N, C-alpha and C. Protein backbone atom coordinates (compact mmCIF):
# COMPACT_ATOMS: atom_id res chain seq x y z
N UNK A 1 0.81 -1.19 0.00
CA UNK A 1 0.00 0.00 0.00
C UNK A 1 0.85 1.25 0.00
N UNK A 2 0.20 2.37 -0.03
CA UNK A 2 0.88 3.66 0.00
C UNK A 2 1.13 4.07 1.44
N UNK A 3 2.38 4.25 1.77
CA UNK A 3 2.77 4.73 3.09
C UNK A 3 3.83 5.80 2.91
N UNK A 4 3.72 6.80 3.74
CA UNK A 4 4.69 7.88 3.64
C UNK A 4 4.14 9.01 2.81
N UNK A 5 4.88 10.02 2.54
CA UNK A 5 6.28 10.18 2.91
C UNK A 5 6.42 10.44 4.42
N UNK A 6 7.55 10.06 4.94
CA UNK A 6 7.83 10.23 6.36
C UNK A 6 8.78 11.41 6.53
N UNK A 7 8.53 12.19 7.58
CA UNK A 7 9.39 13.32 7.91
C UNK A 7 10.34 12.90 9.02
N UNK A 8 11.63 13.07 8.83
CA UNK A 8 12.60 12.65 9.85
C UNK A 8 12.35 13.35 11.18
N UNK A 9 12.42 12.56 12.26
CA UNK A 9 12.29 13.11 13.60
C UNK A 9 10.86 13.28 14.09
N UNK A 10 9.88 13.10 13.25
CA UNK A 10 8.49 13.24 13.67
C UNK A 10 7.86 11.86 13.85
N UNK A 11 7.25 11.64 15.02
CA UNK A 11 6.61 10.33 15.23
C UNK A 11 5.40 10.16 14.32
N UNK A 12 5.21 8.95 13.86
CA UNK A 12 4.08 8.63 13.01
C UNK A 12 3.63 7.20 13.33
N UNK A 13 2.31 6.99 13.29
CA UNK A 13 1.79 5.65 13.52
C UNK A 13 1.80 4.87 12.21
N UNK A 14 2.38 3.68 12.28
CA UNK A 14 2.42 2.79 11.12
C UNK A 14 2.05 1.39 11.60
N UNK A 15 1.70 0.50 10.70
CA UNK A 15 1.45 -0.90 11.10
C UNK A 15 2.70 -1.51 11.74
N UNK A 16 2.48 -2.46 12.63
CA UNK A 16 3.60 -3.08 13.34
C UNK A 16 4.59 -3.71 12.38
N UNK A 17 4.11 -4.36 11.34
CA UNK A 17 5.02 -5.02 10.40
C UNK A 17 5.97 -4.02 9.76
N UNK A 18 5.45 -2.82 9.45
CA UNK A 18 6.29 -1.80 8.83
C UNK A 18 7.28 -1.22 9.83
N UNK A 19 6.82 -0.99 11.03
CA UNK A 19 7.70 -0.46 12.07
C UNK A 19 8.88 -1.40 12.32
N UNK A 20 8.59 -2.69 12.39
CA UNK A 20 9.66 -3.66 12.63
C UNK A 20 10.60 -3.74 11.42
N UNK A 21 10.03 -3.68 10.24
CA UNK A 21 10.86 -3.69 9.04
C UNK A 21 11.79 -2.49 9.00
N UNK A 22 11.25 -1.30 9.28
CA UNK A 22 12.08 -0.09 9.30
C UNK A 22 13.14 -0.16 10.40
N UNK A 23 12.76 -0.70 11.55
CA UNK A 23 13.71 -0.83 12.66
C UNK A 23 14.84 -1.78 12.29
N UNK A 24 14.52 -2.89 11.64
CA UNK A 24 15.54 -3.84 11.22
C UNK A 24 16.52 -3.21 10.23
N UNK A 25 16.04 -2.29 9.42
CA UNK A 25 16.90 -1.61 8.46
C UNK A 25 17.53 -0.35 9.06
N UNK A 26 17.33 -0.17 10.38
CA UNK A 26 17.87 0.97 11.13
C UNK A 26 17.42 2.31 10.54
N UNK A 27 16.15 2.37 10.16
CA UNK A 27 15.58 3.59 9.58
C UNK A 27 14.68 4.33 10.56
N UNK A 28 14.44 3.73 11.74
CA UNK A 28 13.55 4.39 12.70
C UNK A 28 13.85 3.92 14.11
N UNK A 29 13.19 4.57 15.03
CA UNK A 29 13.21 4.20 16.44
C UNK A 29 11.77 3.94 16.82
N UNK A 30 11.51 2.80 17.47
CA UNK A 30 10.15 2.46 17.85
C UNK A 30 9.78 3.07 19.19
N UNK A 31 8.57 3.54 19.27
CA UNK A 31 8.03 4.06 20.53
C UNK A 31 7.03 3.01 21.02
N UNK A 32 7.27 2.44 22.20
CA UNK A 32 6.36 1.39 22.68
C UNK A 32 4.99 1.96 23.03
N UNK A 33 3.96 1.11 23.04
CA UNK A 33 2.62 1.58 23.43
C UNK A 33 2.63 2.09 24.87
N UNK A 34 1.66 2.92 25.20
CA UNK A 34 1.58 3.51 26.56
C UNK A 34 1.59 2.45 27.64
N UNK A 35 0.89 1.35 27.42
CA UNK A 35 0.75 0.33 28.45
C UNK A 35 2.03 -0.45 28.68
N UNK A 36 3.00 -0.35 27.79
CA UNK A 36 4.25 -1.08 27.94
C UNK A 36 5.20 -0.29 28.83
N UNK A 37 4.75 -0.15 30.08
CA UNK A 37 5.46 0.61 31.09
C UNK A 37 5.48 -0.24 32.36
N UNK A 38 6.58 -0.23 33.07
CA UNK A 38 6.74 -1.10 34.24
C UNK A 38 5.62 -0.87 35.26
N UNK A 39 5.34 0.39 35.59
CA UNK A 39 4.31 0.68 36.61
C UNK A 39 2.93 0.20 36.17
N UNK A 40 2.57 0.45 34.92
CA UNK A 40 1.26 0.02 34.43
C UNK A 40 1.16 -1.50 34.38
N UNK A 41 2.24 -2.15 33.97
CA UNK A 41 2.22 -3.61 33.90
C UNK A 41 2.19 -4.24 35.29
N UNK A 42 2.82 -3.60 36.27
CA UNK A 42 2.74 -4.09 37.65
C UNK A 42 1.31 -4.01 38.16
N UNK A 43 0.62 -2.90 37.83
CA UNK A 43 -0.79 -2.76 38.22
C UNK A 43 -1.64 -3.84 37.57
N UNK A 44 -1.42 -4.07 36.30
CA UNK A 44 -2.18 -5.10 35.57
C UNK A 44 -1.94 -6.48 36.18
N UNK A 45 -0.68 -6.79 36.44
CA UNK A 45 -0.33 -8.09 37.03
C UNK A 45 -0.98 -8.27 38.41
N UNK A 46 -0.88 -7.24 39.26
CA UNK A 46 -1.45 -7.31 40.60
C UNK A 46 -2.97 -7.43 40.55
N UNK A 47 -3.60 -6.70 39.65
CA UNK A 47 -5.05 -6.77 39.49
C UNK A 47 -5.47 -8.17 39.04
N UNK A 48 -4.72 -8.72 38.13
CA UNK A 48 -5.02 -10.07 37.61
C UNK A 48 -4.90 -11.10 38.72
N UNK A 49 -3.91 -10.96 39.56
CA UNK A 49 -3.72 -11.91 40.67
C UNK A 49 -4.83 -11.78 41.72
N UNK A 50 -5.33 -10.56 41.88
CA UNK A 50 -6.33 -10.29 42.91
C UNK A 50 -7.72 -10.76 42.51
N UNK A 51 -8.07 -10.63 41.26
CA UNK A 51 -9.41 -10.94 40.77
C UNK A 51 -9.58 -12.44 40.49
N UNK A 52 -10.78 -12.94 40.72
CA UNK A 52 -11.09 -14.33 40.37
C UNK A 52 -11.39 -14.48 38.88
N UNK A 53 -11.92 -13.42 38.28
CA UNK A 53 -12.24 -13.45 36.86
C UNK A 53 -11.09 -12.82 36.08
N UNK A 54 -11.18 -12.92 34.77
CA UNK A 54 -10.14 -12.34 33.92
C UNK A 54 -10.35 -10.85 33.80
N UNK A 55 -9.29 -10.09 33.99
CA UNK A 55 -9.38 -8.63 33.85
C UNK A 55 -9.11 -8.26 32.39
N UNK A 56 -9.54 -7.09 32.02
CA UNK A 56 -9.33 -6.65 30.65
C UNK A 56 -7.87 -6.25 30.47
N UNK A 57 -7.30 -6.73 29.39
CA UNK A 57 -5.90 -6.44 29.09
C UNK A 57 -5.81 -5.14 28.30
N UNK A 58 -4.65 -4.48 28.33
CA UNK A 58 -4.51 -3.20 27.64
C UNK A 58 -4.61 -3.31 26.12
N UNK A 59 -4.34 -4.49 25.60
CA UNK A 59 -4.43 -4.74 24.17
C UNK A 59 -4.85 -6.18 23.96
N UNK A 60 -5.70 -6.44 22.98
CA UNK A 60 -6.06 -7.84 22.71
C UNK A 60 -4.87 -8.64 22.18
N UNK A 61 -3.80 -7.95 21.83
CA UNK A 61 -2.60 -8.60 21.30
C UNK A 61 -1.39 -8.30 22.17
N UNK A 62 -1.60 -8.16 23.48
CA UNK A 62 -0.52 -7.74 24.37
C UNK A 62 0.68 -8.69 24.32
N UNK A 63 0.42 -9.99 24.25
CA UNK A 63 1.51 -10.96 24.25
C UNK A 63 2.28 -10.92 22.93
N UNK A 64 1.55 -10.87 21.83
CA UNK A 64 2.19 -10.84 20.53
C UNK A 64 3.02 -9.56 20.35
N UNK A 65 2.43 -8.41 20.72
CA UNK A 65 3.14 -7.14 20.59
C UNK A 65 4.39 -7.11 21.46
N UNK A 66 4.25 -7.59 22.68
CA UNK A 66 5.41 -7.60 23.59
C UNK A 66 6.53 -8.44 23.00
N UNK A 67 6.18 -9.62 22.52
CA UNK A 67 7.21 -10.50 21.96
C UNK A 67 7.89 -9.85 20.75
N UNK A 68 7.09 -9.31 19.84
CA UNK A 68 7.67 -8.68 18.66
C UNK A 68 8.55 -7.49 19.02
N UNK A 69 8.03 -6.60 19.84
CA UNK A 69 8.78 -5.39 20.17
C UNK A 69 10.04 -5.70 20.97
N UNK A 70 9.96 -6.65 21.88
CA UNK A 70 11.15 -6.97 22.67
C UNK A 70 12.17 -7.76 21.86
N UNK A 71 11.71 -8.52 20.87
CA UNK A 71 12.66 -9.25 20.03
C UNK A 71 13.39 -8.33 19.05
N UNK A 72 12.68 -7.33 18.52
CA UNK A 72 13.26 -6.51 17.46
C UNK A 72 13.63 -5.09 17.87
N UNK A 73 13.12 -4.63 19.01
CA UNK A 73 13.40 -3.24 19.38
C UNK A 73 13.61 -3.07 20.87
N UNK A 74 14.21 -4.05 21.52
CA UNK A 74 14.43 -3.97 22.97
C UNK A 74 15.26 -2.75 23.35
N UNK A 75 16.13 -2.32 22.44
CA UNK A 75 16.96 -1.15 22.73
C UNK A 75 16.15 0.15 22.76
N UNK A 76 14.94 0.16 22.22
CA UNK A 76 14.08 1.34 22.24
C UNK A 76 13.07 1.31 23.40
N UNK A 77 13.07 0.25 24.18
CA UNK A 77 12.08 0.09 25.25
C UNK A 77 12.80 0.15 26.59
N UNK A 78 12.49 1.18 27.38
CA UNK A 78 13.12 1.28 28.71
C UNK A 78 12.71 0.11 29.60
N UNK A 79 13.67 -0.43 30.33
CA UNK A 79 13.45 -1.53 31.26
C UNK A 79 12.82 -2.74 30.56
N UNK A 80 13.37 -3.09 29.42
CA UNK A 80 12.82 -4.18 28.60
C UNK A 80 12.77 -5.50 29.36
N UNK A 81 13.79 -5.82 30.13
CA UNK A 81 13.80 -7.10 30.85
C UNK A 81 12.70 -7.15 31.90
N UNK A 82 12.48 -6.04 32.60
CA UNK A 82 11.41 -6.00 33.60
C UNK A 82 10.05 -6.14 32.92
N UNK A 83 9.89 -5.51 31.78
CA UNK A 83 8.63 -5.60 31.04
C UNK A 83 8.40 -7.03 30.58
N UNK A 84 9.43 -7.67 30.10
CA UNK A 84 9.32 -9.07 29.67
C UNK A 84 8.86 -9.95 30.84
N UNK A 85 9.44 -9.74 32.00
CA UNK A 85 9.09 -10.52 33.19
C UNK A 85 7.65 -10.26 33.63
N UNK A 86 7.25 -8.99 33.64
CA UNK A 86 5.90 -8.64 34.07
C UNK A 86 4.84 -9.21 33.12
N UNK A 87 5.08 -9.13 31.84
CA UNK A 87 4.12 -9.68 30.88
C UNK A 87 4.07 -11.20 31.02
N UNK A 88 5.20 -11.84 31.22
CA UNK A 88 5.23 -13.29 31.41
C UNK A 88 4.50 -13.68 32.69
N UNK A 89 4.69 -12.93 33.78
CA UNK A 89 3.98 -13.20 35.03
C UNK A 89 2.47 -13.08 34.84
N UNK A 90 2.06 -12.04 34.14
CA UNK A 90 0.63 -11.83 33.87
C UNK A 90 0.09 -12.98 33.02
N UNK A 91 0.83 -13.36 32.00
CA UNK A 91 0.43 -14.47 31.13
C UNK A 91 0.29 -15.76 31.95
N UNK A 92 1.28 -16.05 32.79
CA UNK A 92 1.24 -17.27 33.60
C UNK A 92 0.04 -17.28 34.53
N UNK A 93 -0.26 -16.13 35.14
CA UNK A 93 -1.42 -16.02 36.03
C UNK A 93 -2.70 -16.29 35.26
N UNK A 94 -2.82 -15.69 34.10
CA UNK A 94 -4.03 -15.85 33.29
C UNK A 94 -4.19 -17.29 32.78
N UNK A 95 -3.11 -17.91 32.37
CA UNK A 95 -3.18 -19.29 31.89
C UNK A 95 -3.52 -20.24 33.03
N UNK A 96 -2.95 -20.01 34.21
CA UNK A 96 -3.30 -20.84 35.37
C UNK A 96 -4.78 -20.69 35.70
N UNK A 97 -5.29 -19.47 35.64
CA UNK A 97 -6.71 -19.21 35.87
C UNK A 97 -7.56 -19.91 34.81
N UNK A 98 -7.10 -19.88 33.60
CA UNK A 98 -7.83 -20.51 32.50
C UNK A 98 -7.87 -22.03 32.68
N UNK A 99 -6.77 -22.60 33.09
CA UNK A 99 -6.73 -24.04 33.33
C UNK A 99 -7.67 -24.44 34.47
N UNK A 100 -7.66 -23.65 35.54
CA UNK A 100 -8.59 -23.93 36.64
C UNK A 100 -10.03 -23.81 36.19
N UNK A 101 -10.33 -22.80 35.39
CA UNK A 101 -11.68 -22.62 34.88
C UNK A 101 -12.08 -23.78 33.98
N UNK A 102 -11.17 -24.22 33.14
CA UNK A 102 -11.46 -25.34 32.24
C UNK A 102 -11.67 -26.62 33.04
N UNK A 103 -10.85 -26.82 34.07
CA UNK A 103 -11.01 -28.00 34.92
C UNK A 103 -12.36 -27.98 35.62
N UNK A 104 -12.74 -26.85 36.16
CA UNK A 104 -14.04 -26.70 36.81
C UNK A 104 -15.17 -26.91 35.82
N UNK A 105 -15.00 -26.38 34.63
CA UNK A 105 -15.99 -26.50 33.56
C UNK A 105 -16.26 -27.97 33.24
N UNK A 106 -15.19 -28.74 33.10
CA UNK A 106 -15.33 -30.15 32.75
C UNK A 106 -15.89 -30.95 33.92
N UNK A 107 -15.42 -30.68 35.13
CA UNK A 107 -15.89 -31.42 36.30
C UNK A 107 -17.38 -31.20 36.57
N UNK A 108 -17.83 -29.98 36.32
CA UNK A 108 -19.24 -29.67 36.58
C UNK A 108 -20.13 -30.00 35.38
N UNK A 109 -19.53 -30.53 34.33
CA UNK A 109 -20.23 -30.94 33.12
C UNK A 109 -21.08 -29.81 32.55
N UNK A 110 -20.50 -28.65 32.48
CA UNK A 110 -21.20 -27.50 31.91
C UNK A 110 -21.32 -27.67 30.40
N UNK A 111 -22.25 -26.93 29.81
CA UNK A 111 -22.44 -27.02 28.37
C UNK A 111 -22.02 -25.74 27.64
N UNK A 112 -21.79 -24.66 28.37
CA UNK A 112 -21.29 -23.44 27.75
C UNK A 112 -20.47 -22.66 28.78
N UNK A 113 -19.61 -21.80 28.27
CA UNK A 113 -18.73 -21.01 29.13
C UNK A 113 -18.68 -19.58 28.62
N UNK A 114 -18.46 -18.66 29.52
CA UNK A 114 -18.33 -17.26 29.18
C UNK A 114 -16.84 -16.92 29.25
N UNK A 115 -16.29 -16.43 28.17
CA UNK A 115 -14.85 -16.17 28.08
C UNK A 115 -14.56 -14.67 27.98
N UNK A 116 -15.10 -13.92 28.89
CA UNK A 116 -14.88 -12.47 28.87
C UNK A 116 -13.42 -12.12 29.14
N UNK A 117 -12.94 -11.15 28.40
CA UNK A 117 -11.61 -10.56 28.57
C UNK A 117 -10.44 -11.49 28.27
N UNK A 118 -10.69 -12.60 27.60
CA UNK A 118 -9.59 -13.45 27.16
C UNK A 118 -9.15 -13.02 25.78
N UNK A 119 -7.87 -13.14 25.51
CA UNK A 119 -7.38 -12.83 24.17
C UNK A 119 -7.43 -14.10 23.33
N UNK A 120 -7.35 -13.94 22.03
CA UNK A 120 -7.39 -15.09 21.14
C UNK A 120 -6.25 -16.06 21.41
N UNK A 121 -5.08 -15.54 21.71
CA UNK A 121 -3.94 -16.42 21.97
C UNK A 121 -4.19 -17.25 23.23
N UNK A 122 -4.78 -16.65 24.24
CA UNK A 122 -5.08 -17.38 25.47
C UNK A 122 -6.13 -18.47 25.21
N UNK A 123 -7.13 -18.14 24.44
CA UNK A 123 -8.17 -19.12 24.11
C UNK A 123 -7.56 -20.27 23.30
N UNK A 124 -6.69 -19.94 22.37
CA UNK A 124 -6.08 -20.97 21.53
C UNK A 124 -5.19 -21.93 22.30
N UNK A 125 -4.65 -21.49 23.44
CA UNK A 125 -3.78 -22.39 24.21
C UNK A 125 -4.57 -23.53 24.82
N UNK A 126 -5.85 -23.32 25.10
CA UNK A 126 -6.66 -24.39 25.68
C UNK A 126 -7.77 -24.86 24.75
N UNK A 127 -7.83 -24.30 23.57
CA UNK A 127 -8.90 -24.64 22.64
C UNK A 127 -8.97 -26.11 22.30
N UNK A 128 -7.84 -26.73 22.00
CA UNK A 128 -7.81 -28.14 21.63
C UNK A 128 -8.28 -29.00 22.80
N UNK A 129 -7.75 -28.69 23.99
CA UNK A 129 -8.15 -29.47 25.17
C UNK A 129 -9.65 -29.37 25.40
N UNK A 130 -10.18 -28.16 25.36
CA UNK A 130 -11.61 -27.98 25.64
C UNK A 130 -12.49 -28.65 24.59
N UNK A 131 -12.15 -28.53 23.33
CA UNK A 131 -12.99 -29.16 22.31
C UNK A 131 -12.95 -30.68 22.44
N UNK A 132 -11.80 -31.24 22.75
CA UNK A 132 -11.71 -32.69 22.95
C UNK A 132 -12.47 -33.12 24.19
N UNK A 133 -12.36 -32.35 25.27
CA UNK A 133 -13.08 -32.67 26.51
C UNK A 133 -14.59 -32.61 26.28
N UNK A 134 -15.05 -31.58 25.57
CA UNK A 134 -16.48 -31.48 25.28
C UNK A 134 -16.96 -32.62 24.40
N UNK A 135 -16.14 -33.03 23.45
CA UNK A 135 -16.49 -34.15 22.58
C UNK A 135 -16.63 -35.43 23.39
N UNK A 136 -15.68 -35.68 24.29
CA UNK A 136 -15.75 -36.87 25.14
C UNK A 136 -16.97 -36.81 26.07
N UNK A 137 -17.24 -35.64 26.63
CA UNK A 137 -18.41 -35.49 27.51
C UNK A 137 -19.69 -35.77 26.72
N UNK A 138 -19.78 -35.29 25.50
CA UNK A 138 -20.95 -35.53 24.66
C UNK A 138 -21.12 -37.03 24.41
N UNK A 139 -20.04 -37.70 24.07
CA UNK A 139 -20.11 -39.14 23.82
C UNK A 139 -20.55 -39.90 25.06
N UNK A 140 -20.01 -39.51 26.21
CA UNK A 140 -20.41 -40.17 27.45
C UNK A 140 -21.88 -39.94 27.76
N UNK A 141 -22.34 -38.72 27.57
CA UNK A 141 -23.74 -38.41 27.85
C UNK A 141 -24.68 -39.17 26.92
N UNK A 142 -24.34 -39.26 25.65
CA UNK A 142 -25.22 -39.95 24.71
C UNK A 142 -25.24 -41.45 24.96
N UNK A 143 -24.15 -42.01 25.45
CA UNK A 143 -24.10 -43.44 25.75
C UNK A 143 -24.80 -43.77 27.06
N UNK A 144 -24.98 -42.81 27.93
CA UNK A 144 -25.60 -43.05 29.23
C UNK A 144 -27.07 -42.65 29.26
N UNK A 145 -27.65 -42.30 28.13
CA UNK A 145 -29.06 -41.91 28.10
C UNK A 145 -29.93 -43.08 28.52
N UNK A 146 -30.85 -42.88 29.48
CA UNK A 146 -31.71 -43.98 29.92
C UNK A 146 -32.71 -44.35 28.83
N UNK A 147 -33.07 -45.62 28.81
CA UNK A 147 -34.09 -46.08 27.88
C UNK A 147 -33.56 -46.46 26.51
N UNK A 148 -32.29 -46.33 26.28
CA UNK A 148 -31.74 -46.71 24.98
C UNK A 148 -31.47 -48.20 24.97
N UNK A 149 -31.73 -48.83 23.88
CA UNK A 149 -31.44 -50.26 23.77
C UNK A 149 -30.01 -50.44 23.28
N UNK A 150 -29.52 -51.62 23.45
CA UNK A 150 -28.15 -51.91 23.03
C UNK A 150 -28.03 -51.83 21.51
N UNK A 151 -29.15 -52.05 20.79
CA UNK A 151 -29.11 -52.02 19.33
C UNK A 151 -28.79 -50.64 18.79
N UNK A 152 -29.15 -49.60 19.52
CA UNK A 152 -28.94 -48.24 19.00
C UNK A 152 -27.47 -47.87 18.96
N UNK A 153 -26.64 -48.61 19.70
CA UNK A 153 -25.22 -48.29 19.71
C UNK A 153 -24.43 -49.12 18.71
N UNK A 154 -25.08 -50.11 18.12
CA UNK A 154 -24.38 -50.94 17.12
C UNK A 154 -24.49 -50.28 15.76
N UNK A 155 -23.43 -50.32 15.01
CA UNK A 155 -23.43 -49.73 13.67
C UNK A 155 -23.21 -50.80 12.64
């Protein structure tokens, strides 16, 4: 697409792919998003640990953005190592919460779940497990239906 012209020294918003490409060619300096700050990430992590439900994240792509920016532009991000640790701690807390929720979901034989404030990456980490668990639960329920004859299960 058409991008530019760019004026030297003036910040401009561009797609992440372009920013990383320009950074790799040493044509720009990346400015991290507002939320990629140690104090803000500490608040997010602490809030996530305190709440039983999932809290809203600053970006639906917080994990992906953090990984990309820290891999390609860590020199432009103040306290990059602390940010990496805080995002990882938040991720670990959320995944542990998700696993507990999934375990509870399966044990209570629920038929639907509400996934508020989860990101797509978080959902994808347990998606396979949940779909397989639901499939097995469905098979068990259909085989245990009262009043069915043995002939209905033969193919």
